[in-house]
Amino acid sequence: MDNEKLFYALHYLKYDIDDLIDNVLNDSDEDPHYSAVTATNLLKCYIQLLKNSGEQLPFNDSEEYFKHNGYTIQEYQLFEVKRKAESKNYIGKQF
């Protein structure tokens, strides 16, 4: 695969991942409209694709990604609470 095209796509995927994370964090607990599981799946794929392409990353997992991108530990913990709650009923692949 052409690395230039892969990096181009991944660059813009990062914006979508960040938007989804922000939406999950601000979403209703009672009637959520955004998927923390999907955000986590995308983030894990994003990290793995970059690693597989030889990129040196300042993060190795979701928690480090949150920290590197300026989220607080409380925001990461809230995200994880939402992800774990959703994952019980999520239909589909979970990485």
PDB file of N, CA and C in Angstrom:
ATOM      1  N   MET A   1       0.844  -1.182   0.000  1.00  0.00           N
ATOM      2  CA  MET A   1       0.000   0.000   0.000  1.00  0.00           C
ATOM      3  C   MET A   1       0.882   1.236   0.000  1.00  0.00           C
ATOM      4  N   ASP A   2       0.424   2.261  -0.652  1.00  0.00           N
ATOM      5  CA  ASP A   2       1.114   3.542  -0.730  1.00  0.00           C
ATOM      6  C   ASP A   2       1.040   4.233   0.638  1.00  0.00           C
ATOM      7  N   ASN A   3       2.193   4.349   1.321  1.00  0.00           N
ATOM      8  CA  ASN A   3       2.215   4.941   2.661  1.00  0.00           C
ATOM      9  C   ASN A   3       1.720   6.372   2.683  1.00  0.00           C
ATOM     10  N   GLU A   4       1.987   7.135   1.634  1.00  0.00           N
ATOM     11  CA  GLU A   4       1.529   8.518   1.600  1.00  0.00           C
ATOM     12  C   GLU A   4       0.007   8.580   1.704  1.00  0.00           C
ATOM     13  N   LYS A   5      -0.670   7.701   0.991  1.00  0.00           N
ATOM     14  CA  LYS A   5      -2.135   7.677   1.028  1.00  0.00           C
ATOM     15  C   LYS A   5      -2.638   7.180   2.381  1.00  0.00           C
ATOM     16  N   LEU A   6      -1.955   6.188   2.931  1.00  0.00           N
ATOM     17  CA  LEU A   6      -2.335   5.677   4.244  1.00  0.00           C
ATOM     18  C   LEU A   6      -2.208   6.774   5.294  1.00  0.00           C
ATOM     19  N   PHE A   7      -1.092   7.484   5.312  1.00  0.00           N
ATOM     20  CA  PHE A   7      -0.888   8.545   6.293  1.00  0.00           C
ATOM     21  C   PHE A   7      -1.877   9.687   6.101  1.00  0.00           C
ATOM     22  N   TYR A   8      -2.222   9.978   4.860  1.00  0.00           N
ATOM     23  CA  TYR A   8      -3.223  11.005   4.581  1.00  0.00           C
ATOM     24  C   TYR A   8      -4.555  10.610   5.217  1.00  0.00           C
ATOM     25  N   ALA A   9      -4.982   9.373   4.960  1.00  0.00           N
ATOM     26  CA  ALA A   9      -6.255   8.898   5.510  1.00  0.00           C
ATOM     27  C   ALA A   9      -6.218   8.863   7.038  1.00  0.00           C
ATOM     28  N   LEU A  10      -5.123   8.395   7.603  1.00  0.00           N
ATOM     29  CA  LEU A  10      -5.012   8.317   9.058  1.00  0.00           C
ATOM     30  C   LEU A  10      -4.995   9.697   9.698  1.00  0.00           C
ATOM     31  N   HIS A  11      -4.386  10.664   9.031  1.00  0.00           N
ATOM     32  CA  HIS A  11      -4.358  12.035   9.544  1.00  0.00           C
ATOM     33  C   HIS A  11      -5.780  12.551   9.739  1.00  0.00           C
ATOM     34  N   TYR A  12      -6.635  12.330   8.763  1.00  0.00           N
ATOM     35  CA  TYR A  12      -8.012  12.815   8.865  1.00  0.00           C
ATOM     36  C   TYR A  12      -8.870  11.918   9.743  1.00  0.00           C
ATOM     37  N   LEU A  13      -8.543  10.644   9.844  1.00  0.00           N
ATOM     38  CA  LEU A  13      -9.252   9.756  10.758  1.00  0.00           C
ATOM     39  C   LEU A  13      -9.051  10.221  12.195  1.00  0.00           C
ATOM     40  N   LYS A  14      -7.867  10.734  12.505  1.00  0.00           N
ATOM     41  CA  LYS A  14      -7.593  11.218  13.856  1.00  0.00           C
ATOM     42  C   LYS A  14      -8.587  12.302  14.256  1.00  0.00           C
ATOM     43  N   TYR A  15      -8.925  13.209  13.335  1.00  0.00           N
ATOM     44  CA  TYR A  15      -9.901  14.254  13.643  1.00  0.00           C
ATOM     45  C   TYR A  15     -11.266  13.648  13.952  1.00  0.00           C
ATOM     46  N   ASP A  16     -11.659  12.638  13.197  1.00  0.00           N
ATOM     47  CA  ASP A  16     -12.938  11.972  13.445  1.00  0.00           C
ATOM     48  C   ASP A  16     -12.934  11.259  14.796  1.00  0.00           C
ATOM     49  N   ILE A  17     -11.828  10.620  15.122  1.00  0.00           N
ATOM     50  CA  ILE A  17     -11.713   9.946  16.416  1.00  0.00           C
ATOM     51  C   ILE A  17     -11.823  10.967  17.541  1.00  0.00           C
ATOM     52  N   ASP A  18     -11.100  12.077  17.425  1.00  0.00           N
ATOM     53  CA  ASP A  18     -11.138  13.109  18.462  1.00  0.00           C
ATOM     54  C   ASP A  18     -12.534  13.703  18.604  1.00  0.00           C
ATOM     55  N   ASP A  19     -13.211  13.950  17.492  1.00  0.00           N
ATOM     56  CA  ASP A  19     -14.585  14.466  17.545  1.00  0.00           C
ATOM     57  C   ASP A  19     -15.505  13.470  18.234  1.00  0.00           C
ATOM     58  N   LEU A  20     -15.355  12.196  17.909  1.00  0.00           N
ATOM     59  CA  LEU A  20     -16.195  11.170  18.518  1.00  0.00           C
ATOM     60  C   LEU A  20     -15.926  11.070  20.017  1.00  0.00           C
ATOM     61  N   ILE A  21     -14.672  11.125  20.418  1.00  0.00           N
ATOM     62  CA  ILE A  21     -14.341  11.109  21.851  1.00  0.00           C
ATOM     63  C   ILE A  21     -15.004  12.284  22.555  1.00  0.00           C
ATOM     64  N   ASP A  22     -14.889  13.482  21.986  1.00  0.00           N
ATOM     65  CA  ASP A  22     -15.506  14.668  22.587  1.00  0.00           C
ATOM     66  C   ASP A  22     -17.021  14.510  22.681  1.00  0.00           C
ATOM     67  N   ASN A  23     -17.633  13.969  21.635  1.00  0.00           N
ATOM     68  CA  ASN A  23     -19.080  13.765  21.647  1.00  0.00           C
ATOM     69  C   ASN A  23     -19.490  12.746  22.702  1.00  0.00           C
ATOM     70  N   VAL A  24     -18.725  11.682  22.845  1.00  0.00           N
ATOM     71  CA  VAL A  24     -19.020  10.678  23.875  1.00  0.00           C
ATOM     72  C   VAL A  24     -18.932  11.313  25.255  1.00  0.00           C
ATOM     73  N   LEU A  25     -17.890  12.097  25.493  1.00  0.00           N
ATOM     74  CA  LEU A  25     -17.708  12.716  26.807  1.00  0.00           C
ATOM     75  C   LEU A  25     -18.846  13.668  27.158  1.00  0.00           C
ATOM     76  N   ASN A  26     -19.427  14.313  26.155  1.00  0.00           N
ATOM     77  CA  ASN A  26     -20.493  15.286  26.396  1.00  0.00           C
ATOM     78  C   ASN A  26     -21.885  14.717  26.170  1.00  0.00           C
ATOM     79  N   ASP A  27     -21.972  13.440  25.853  1.00  0.00           N
ATOM     80  CA  ASP A  27     -23.241  12.798  25.527  1.00  0.00           C
ATOM     81  C   ASP A  27     -24.055  12.510  26.788  1.00  0.00           C
ATOM     82  N   SER A  28     -25.344  12.367  26.593  1.00  0.00           N
ATOM     83  CA  SER A  28     -26.262  12.021  27.671  1.00  0.00           C
ATOM     84  C   SER A  28     -25.969  10.617  28.198  1.00  0.00           C
ATOM     85  N   ASP A  29     -25.994  10.470  29.509  1.00  0.00           N
ATOM     86  CA  ASP A  29     -25.835   9.141  30.098  1.00  0.00           C
ATOM     87  C   ASP A  29     -27.114   8.322  29.942  1.00  0.00           C
ATOM     88  N   GLU A  30     -28.253   9.003  29.970  1.00  0.00           N
ATOM     89  CA  GLU A  30     -29.536   8.318  29.897  1.00  0.00           C
ATOM     90  C   GLU A  30     -29.909   7.924  28.473  1.00  0.00           C
ATOM     91  N   ASP A  31     -29.541   8.743  27.507  1.00  0.00           N
ATOM     92  CA  ASP A  31     -29.912   8.484  26.108  1.00  0.00           C
ATOM     93  C   ASP A  31     -28.739   8.841  25.193  1.00  0.00           C
ATOM     94  N   PRO A  32     -27.674   8.049  25.249  1.00  0.00           N
ATOM     95  CA  PRO A  32     -26.481   8.385  24.456  1.00  0.00           C
ATOM     96  C   PRO A  32     -26.709   8.228  22.954  1.00  0.00           C
ATOM     97  N   HIS A  33     -26.093   9.119  22.197  1.00  0.00           N
ATOM     98  CA  HIS A  33     -26.185   9.087  20.736  1.00  0.00           C
ATOM     99  C   HIS A  33     -24.848   8.771  20.077  1.00  0.00           C
ATOM    100  N   TYR A  34     -23.781   8.702  20.863  1.00  0.00           N
ATOM    101  CA  TYR A  34     -22.445   8.454  20.334  1.00  0.00           C
ATOM    102  C   TYR A  34     -21.855   7.219  21.005  1.00  0.00           C
ATOM    103  N   SER A  35     -21.048   6.492  20.260  1.00  0.00           N
ATOM    104  CA  SER A  35     -20.542   5.205  20.724  1.00  0.00           C
ATOM    105  C   SER A  35     -19.095   5.279  21.208  1.00  0.00           C
ATOM    106  N   ALA A  36     -18.919   5.027  22.499  1.00  0.00           N
ATOM    107  CA  ALA A  36     -17.573   4.943  23.066  1.00  0.00           C
ATOM    108  C   ALA A  36     -16.854   3.696  22.565  1.00  0.00           C
ATOM    109  N   VAL A  37     -17.603   2.628  22.317  1.00  0.00           N
ATOM    110  CA  VAL A  37     -16.996   1.403  21.797  1.00  0.00           C
ATOM    111  C   VAL A  37     -16.451   1.648  20.393  1.00  0.00           C
ATOM    112  N   THR A  38     -17.226   2.321  19.557  1.00  0.00           N
ATOM    113  CA  THR A  38     -16.755   2.639  18.206  1.00  0.00           C
ATOM    114  C   THR A  38     -15.515   3.523  18.268  1.00  0.00           C
ATOM    115  N   ALA A  39     -15.528   4.521  19.144  1.00  0.00           N
ATOM    116  CA  ALA A  39     -14.364   5.398  19.292  1.00  0.00           C
ATOM    117  C   ALA A  39     -13.134   4.593  19.703  1.00  0.00           C
ATOM    118  N   THR A  40     -13.307   3.676  20.636  1.00  0.00           N
ATOM    119  CA  THR A  40     -12.194   2.841  21.082  1.00  0.00           C
ATOM    120  C   THR A  40     -11.706   1.927  19.967  1.00  0.00           C
ATOM    121  N   ASN A  41     -12.641   1.315  19.243  1.00  0.00           N
ATOM    122  CA  ASN A  41     -12.255   0.462  18.113  1.00  0.00           C
ATOM    123  C   ASN A  41     -11.435   1.248  17.092  1.00  0.00           C
ATOM    124  N   LEU A  42     -11.926   2.430  16.721  1.00  0.00           N
ATOM    125  CA  LEU A  42     -11.209   3.259  15.746  1.00  0.00           C
ATOM    126  C   LEU A  42      -9.834   3.654  16.270  1.00  0.00           C
ATOM    127  N   LEU A  43      -9.774   4.029  17.543  1.00  0.00           N
ATOM    128  CA  LEU A  43      -8.506   4.446  18.135  1.00  0.00           C
ATOM    129  C   LEU A  43      -7.500   3.300  18.152  1.00  0.00           C
ATOM    130  N   LYS A  44      -7.945   2.115  18.522  1.00  0.00           N
ATOM    131  CA  LYS A  44      -7.032   0.965  18.544  1.00  0.00           C
ATOM    132  C   LYS A  44      -6.554   0.614  17.137  1.00  0.00           C
ATOM    133  N   CYS A  45      -7.443   0.696  16.151  1.00  0.00           N
ATOM    134  CA  CYS A  45      -7.042   0.445  14.761  1.00  0.00           C
ATOM    135  C   CYS A  45      -6.047   1.507  14.299  1.00  0.00           C
ATOM    136  N   TYR A  46      -6.319   2.765  14.621  1.00  0.00           N
ATOM    137  CA  TYR A  46      -5.452   3.887  14.260  1.00  0.00           C
ATOM    138  C   TYR A  46      -4.037   3.666  14.809  1.00  0.00           C
ATOM    139  N   ILE A  47      -3.951   3.336  16.093  1.00  0.00           N
ATOM    140  CA  ILE A  47      -2.650   3.112  16.722  1.00  0.00           C
ATOM    141  C   ILE A  47      -1.931   1.931  16.072  1.00  0.00           C
ATOM    142  N   GLN A  48      -2.651   0.840  15.853  1.00  0.00           N
ATOM    143  CA  GLN A  48      -2.026  -0.353  15.282  1.00  0.00           C
ATOM    144  C   GLN A  48      -1.549  -0.109  13.852  1.00  0.00           C
ATOM    145  N   LEU A  49      -2.348   0.583  13.053  1.00  0.00           N
ATOM    146  CA  LEU A  49      -1.937   0.874  11.677  1.00  0.00           C
ATOM    147  C   LEU A  49      -0.677   1.737  11.641  1.00  0.00           C
ATOM    148  N   LEU A  50      -0.611   2.732  12.512  1.00  0.00           N
ATOM    149  CA  LEU A  50       0.587   3.572  12.558  1.00  0.00           C
ATOM    150  C   LEU A  50       1.807   2.771  13.008  1.00  0.00           C
ATOM    151  N   LYS A  51       1.623   1.936  14.018  1.00  0.00           N
ATOM    152  CA  LYS A  51       2.737   1.097  14.481  1.00  0.00           C
ATOM    153  C   LYS A  51       3.200   0.152  13.377  1.00  0.00           C
ATOM    154  N   ASN A  52       2.242  -0.467  12.687  1.00  0.00           N
ATOM    155  CA  ASN A  52       2.584  -1.408  11.613  1.00  0.00           C
ATOM    156  C   ASN A  52       3.326  -0.732  10.467  1.00  0.00           C
ATOM    157  N   SER A  53       3.102   0.568  10.303  1.00  0.00           N
ATOM    158  CA  SER A  53       3.770   1.289   9.224  1.00  0.00           C
ATOM    159  C   SER A  53       5.143   1.809   9.648  1.00  0.00           C
ATOM    160  N   GLY A  54       5.524   1.527  10.895  1.00  0.00           N
ATOM    161  CA  GLY A  54       6.845   1.925  11.366  1.00  0.00           C
ATOM    162  C   GLY A  54       6.893   3.270  12.059  1.00  0.00           C
ATOM    163  N   GLU A  55       5.753   3.895  12.257  1.00  0.00           N
ATOM    164  CA  GLU A  55       5.721   5.196  12.936  1.00  0.00           C
ATOM    165  C   GLU A  55       6.092   5.046  14.407  1.00  0.00           C
ATOM    166  N   GLN A  56       6.880   5.986  14.895  1.00  0.00           N
ATOM    167  CA  GLN A  56       7.182   6.068  16.315  1.00  0.00           C
ATOM    168  C   GLN A  56       6.113   6.953  16.943  1.00  0.00           C
ATOM    169  N   LEU A  57       5.360   6.414  17.869  1.00  0.00           N
ATOM    170  CA  LEU A  57       4.251   7.148  18.467  1.00  0.00           C
ATOM    171  C   LEU A  57       4.574   7.555  19.901  1.00  0.00           C
ATOM    172  N   PRO A  58       4.043   8.694  20.338  1.00  0.00           N
ATOM    173  CA  PRO A  58       4.225   9.105  21.729  1.00  0.00           C
ATOM    174  C   PRO A  58       3.207   8.441  22.659  1.00  0.00           C
ATOM    175  N   PHE A  59       2.437   7.492  22.141  1.00  0.00           N
ATOM    176  CA  PHE A  59       1.441   6.769  22.930  1.00  0.00           C
ATOM    177  C   PHE A  59       1.360   5.343  22.396  1.00  0.00           C
ATOM    178  N   ASN A  60       0.970   4.418  23.278  1.00  0.00           N
ATOM    179  CA  ASN A  60       0.879   3.011  22.893  1.00  0.00           C
ATOM    180  C   ASN A  60      -0.509   2.421  23.075  1.00  0.00           C
ATOM    181  N   ASP A  61      -1.378   3.147  23.775  1.00  0.00           N
ATOM    182  CA  ASP A  61      -2.718   2.633  24.029  1.00  0.00           C
ATOM    183  C   ASP A  61      -3.681   3.805  24.205  1.00  0.00           C
ATOM    184  N   SER A  62      -4.934   3.479  24.469  1.00  0.00           N
ATOM    185  CA  SER A  62      -5.971   4.508  24.572  1.00  0.00           C
ATOM    186  C   SER A  62      -5.690   5.501  25.694  1.00  0.00           C
ATOM    187  N   GLU A  63      -5.315   4.994  26.856  1.00  0.00           N
ATOM    188  CA  GLU A  63      -5.066   5.890  27.984  1.00  0.00           C
ATOM    189  C   GLU A  63      -3.938   6.869  27.673  1.00  0.00           C
ATOM    190  N   GLU A  64      -2.861   6.389  27.083  1.00  0.00           N
ATOM    191  CA  GLU A  64      -1.747   7.270  26.720  1.00  0.00           C
ATOM    192  C   GLU A  64      -2.157   8.249  25.618  1.00  0.00           C
ATOM    193  N   TYR A  65      -3.009   7.812  24.692  1.00  0.00           N
ATOM    194  CA  TYR A  65      -3.509   8.698  23.636  1.00  0.00           C
ATOM    195  C   TYR A  65      -4.285   9.857  24.262  1.00  0.00           C
ATOM    196  N   PHE A  66      -5.164   9.543  25.204  1.00  0.00           N
ATOM    197  CA  PHE A  66      -5.940  10.588  25.876  1.00  0.00           C
ATOM    198  C   PHE A  66      -5.002  11.594  26.539  1.00  0.00           C
ATOM    199  N   LYS A  67      -4.037  11.096  27.291  1.00  0.00           N
ATOM    200  CA  LYS A  67      -3.094  11.969  27.999  1.00  0.00           C
ATOM    201  C   LYS A  67      -2.307  12.828  27.009  1.00  0.00           C
ATOM    202  N   HIS A  68      -1.804  12.211  25.954  1.00  0.00           N
ATOM    203  CA  HIS A  68      -1.015  12.927  24.952  1.00  0.00           C
ATOM    204  C   HIS A  68      -1.832  14.027  24.266  1.00  0.00           C
ATOM    205  N   ASN A  69      -3.130  13.824  24.144  1.00  0.00           N
ATOM    206  CA  ASN A  69      -3.986  14.776  23.440  1.00  0.00           C
ATOM    207  C   ASN A  69      -4.700  15.751  24.369  1.00  0.00           C
ATOM    208  N   GLY A  70      -4.228  15.851  25.614  1.00  0.00           N
ATOM    209  CA  GLY A  70      -4.684  16.900  26.515  1.00  0.00           C
ATOM    210  C   GLY A  70      -5.930  16.599  27.329  1.00  0.00           C
ATOM    211  N   TYR A  71      -6.392  15.367  27.292  1.00  0.00           N
ATOM    212  CA  TYR A  71      -7.535  15.008  28.129  1.00  0.00           C
ATOM    213  C   TYR A  71      -7.050  14.779  29.558  1.00  0.00           C
ATOM    214  N   THR A  72      -7.917  15.068  30.506  1.00  0.00           N
ATOM    215  CA  THR A  72      -7.577  14.834  31.908  1.00  0.00           C
ATOM    216  C   THR A  72      -7.805  13.362  32.247  1.00  0.00           C
ATOM    217  N   ILE A  73      -7.255  12.941  33.366  1.00  0.00           N
ATOM    218  CA  ILE A  73      -7.478  11.566  33.821  1.00  0.00           C
ATOM    219  C   ILE A  73      -8.962  11.349  34.109  1.00  0.00           C
ATOM    220  N   GLN A  74      -9.640  12.399  34.595  1.00  0.00           N
ATOM    221  CA  GLN A  74     -11.073  12.290  34.868  1.00  0.00           C
ATOM    222  C   GLN A  74     -11.865  12.088  33.575  1.00  0.00           C
ATOM    223  N   GLU A  75     -11.452  12.761  32.508  1.00  0.00           N
ATOM    224  CA  GLU A  75     -12.129  12.570  31.219  1.00  0.00           C
ATOM    225  C   GLU A  75     -11.900  11.157  30.694  1.00  0.00           C
ATOM    226  N   TYR A  76     -10.683  10.665  30.842  1.00  0.00           N
ATOM    227  CA  TYR A  76     -10.409   9.293  30.413  1.00  0.00           C
ATOM    228  C   TYR A  76     -11.244   8.304  31.223  1.00  0.00           C
ATOM    229  N   GLN A  77     -11.310   8.509  32.520  1.00  0.00           N
ATOM    230  CA  GLN A  77     -12.084   7.607  33.373  1.00  0.00           C
ATOM    231  C   GLN A  77     -13.570   7.658  33.026  1.00  0.00           C
ATOM    232  N   LEU A  78     -14.108   8.845  32.766  1.00  0.00           N
ATOM    233  CA  LEU A  78     -15.507   8.977  32.352  1.00  0.00           C
ATOM    234  C   LEU A  78     -15.741   8.243  31.040  1.00  0.00           C
ATOM    235  N   PHE A  79     -14.829   8.419  30.103  1.00  0.00           N
ATOM    236  CA  PHE A  79     -14.940   7.731  28.819  1.00  0.00           C
ATOM    237  C   PHE A  79     -14.978   6.222  29.032  1.00  0.00           C
ATOM    238  N   GLU A  80     -14.104   5.714  29.879  1.00  0.00           N
ATOM    239  CA  GLU A  80     -14.042   4.276  30.143  1.00  0.00           C
ATOM    240  C   GLU A  80     -15.317   3.768  30.815  1.00  0.00           C
ATOM    241  N   VAL A  81     -15.888   4.538  31.712  1.00  0.00           N
ATOM    242  CA  VAL A  81     -17.158   4.158  32.345  1.00  0.00           C
ATOM    243  C   VAL A  81     -18.236   4.026  31.279  1.00  0.00           C
ATOM    244  N   LYS A  82     -18.285   5.001  30.374  1.00  0.00           N
ATOM    245  CA  LYS A  82     -19.282   4.960  29.299  1.00  0.00           C
ATOM    246  C   LYS A  82     -19.022   3.787  28.354  1.00  0.00           C
ATOM    247  N   ARG A  83     -17.769   3.539  28.042  1.00  0.00           N
ATOM    248  CA  ARG A  83     -17.433   2.434  27.138  1.00  0.00           C
ATOM    249  C   ARG A  83     -17.816   1.089  27.747  1.00  0.00           C
ATOM    250  N   LYS A  84     -17.483   0.905  29.009  1.00  0.00           N
ATOM    251  CA  LYS A  84     -17.792  -0.366  29.668  1.00  0.00           C
ATOM    252  C   LYS A  84     -19.294  -0.594  29.775  1.00  0.00           C
ATOM    253  N   ALA A  85     -20.045   0.461  30.067  1.00  0.00           N
ATOM    254  CA  ALA A  85     -21.504   0.330  30.142  1.00  0.00           C
ATOM    255  C   ALA A  85     -22.077  -0.033  28.780  1.00  0.00           C
ATOM    256  N   GLU A  86     -21.609   0.644  27.751  1.00  0.00           N
ATOM    257  CA  GLU A  86     -22.099   0.380  26.396  1.00  0.00           C
ATOM    258  C   GLU A  86     -21.694  -1.006  25.909  1.00  0.00           C
ATOM    259  N   SER A  87     -20.513  -1.443  26.273  1.00  0.00           N
ATOM    260  CA  SER A  87     -19.985  -2.700  25.731  1.00  0.00           C
ATOM    261  C   SER A  87     -20.832  -3.909  26.124  1.00  0.00           C
ATOM    262  N   LYS A  88     -21.580  -3.800  27.211  1.00  0.00           N
ATOM    263  CA  LYS A  88     -22.437  -4.906  27.643  1.00  0.00           C
ATOM    264  C   LYS A  88     -23.525  -5.214  26.615  1.00  0.00           C
ATOM    265  N   ASN A  89     -23.983  -4.181  25.908  1.00  0.00           N
ATOM    266  CA  ASN A  89     -25.073  -4.347  24.945  1.00  0.00           C
ATOM    267  C   ASN A  89     -24.646  -4.113  23.506  1.00  0.00           C
ATOM    268  N   TYR A  90     -23.384  -3.848  23.299  1.00  0.00           N
ATOM    269  CA  TYR A  90     -22.889  -3.515  21.962  1.00  0.00           C
ATOM    270  C   TYR A  90     -22.923  -4.749  21.069  1.00  0.00           C
ATOM    271  N   ILE A  91     -23.469  -4.575  19.885  1.00  0.00           N
ATOM    272  CA  ILE A  91     -23.500  -5.658  18.903  1.00  0.00           C
ATOM    273  C   ILE A  91     -22.439  -5.339  17.864  1.00  0.00           C
ATOM    274  N   GLY A  92     -21.489  -6.202  17.741  1.00  0.00           N
ATOM    275  CA  GLY A  92     -20.411  -5.977  16.782  1.00  0.00           C
ATOM    276  C   GLY A  92     -19.065  -6.249  17.410  1.00  0.00           C
ATOM    277  N   LYS A  93     -18.056  -6.077  16.605  1.00  0.00           N
ATOM    278  CA  LYS A  93     -16.676  -6.346  17.009  1.00  0.00           C
ATOM    279  C   LYS A  93     -16.217  -5.324  18.045  1.00  0.00           C
ATOM    280  N   GLN A  94     -15.524  -5.823  19.056  1.00  0.00           N
ATOM    281  CA  GLN A  94     -14.884  -4.952  20.040  1.00  0.00           C
ATOM    282  C   GLN A  94     -13.424  -5.354  20.134  1.00  0.00           C
ATOM    283  N   PHE A  95     -12.559  -4.385  19.881  1.00  0.00           N
ATOM    284  CA  PHE A  95     -11.123  -4.654  19.931  1.00  0.00           C
ATOM    285  C   PHE A  95     -10.579  -4.344  21.310  1.00  0.00           C
TER     286      PHE A  95
END
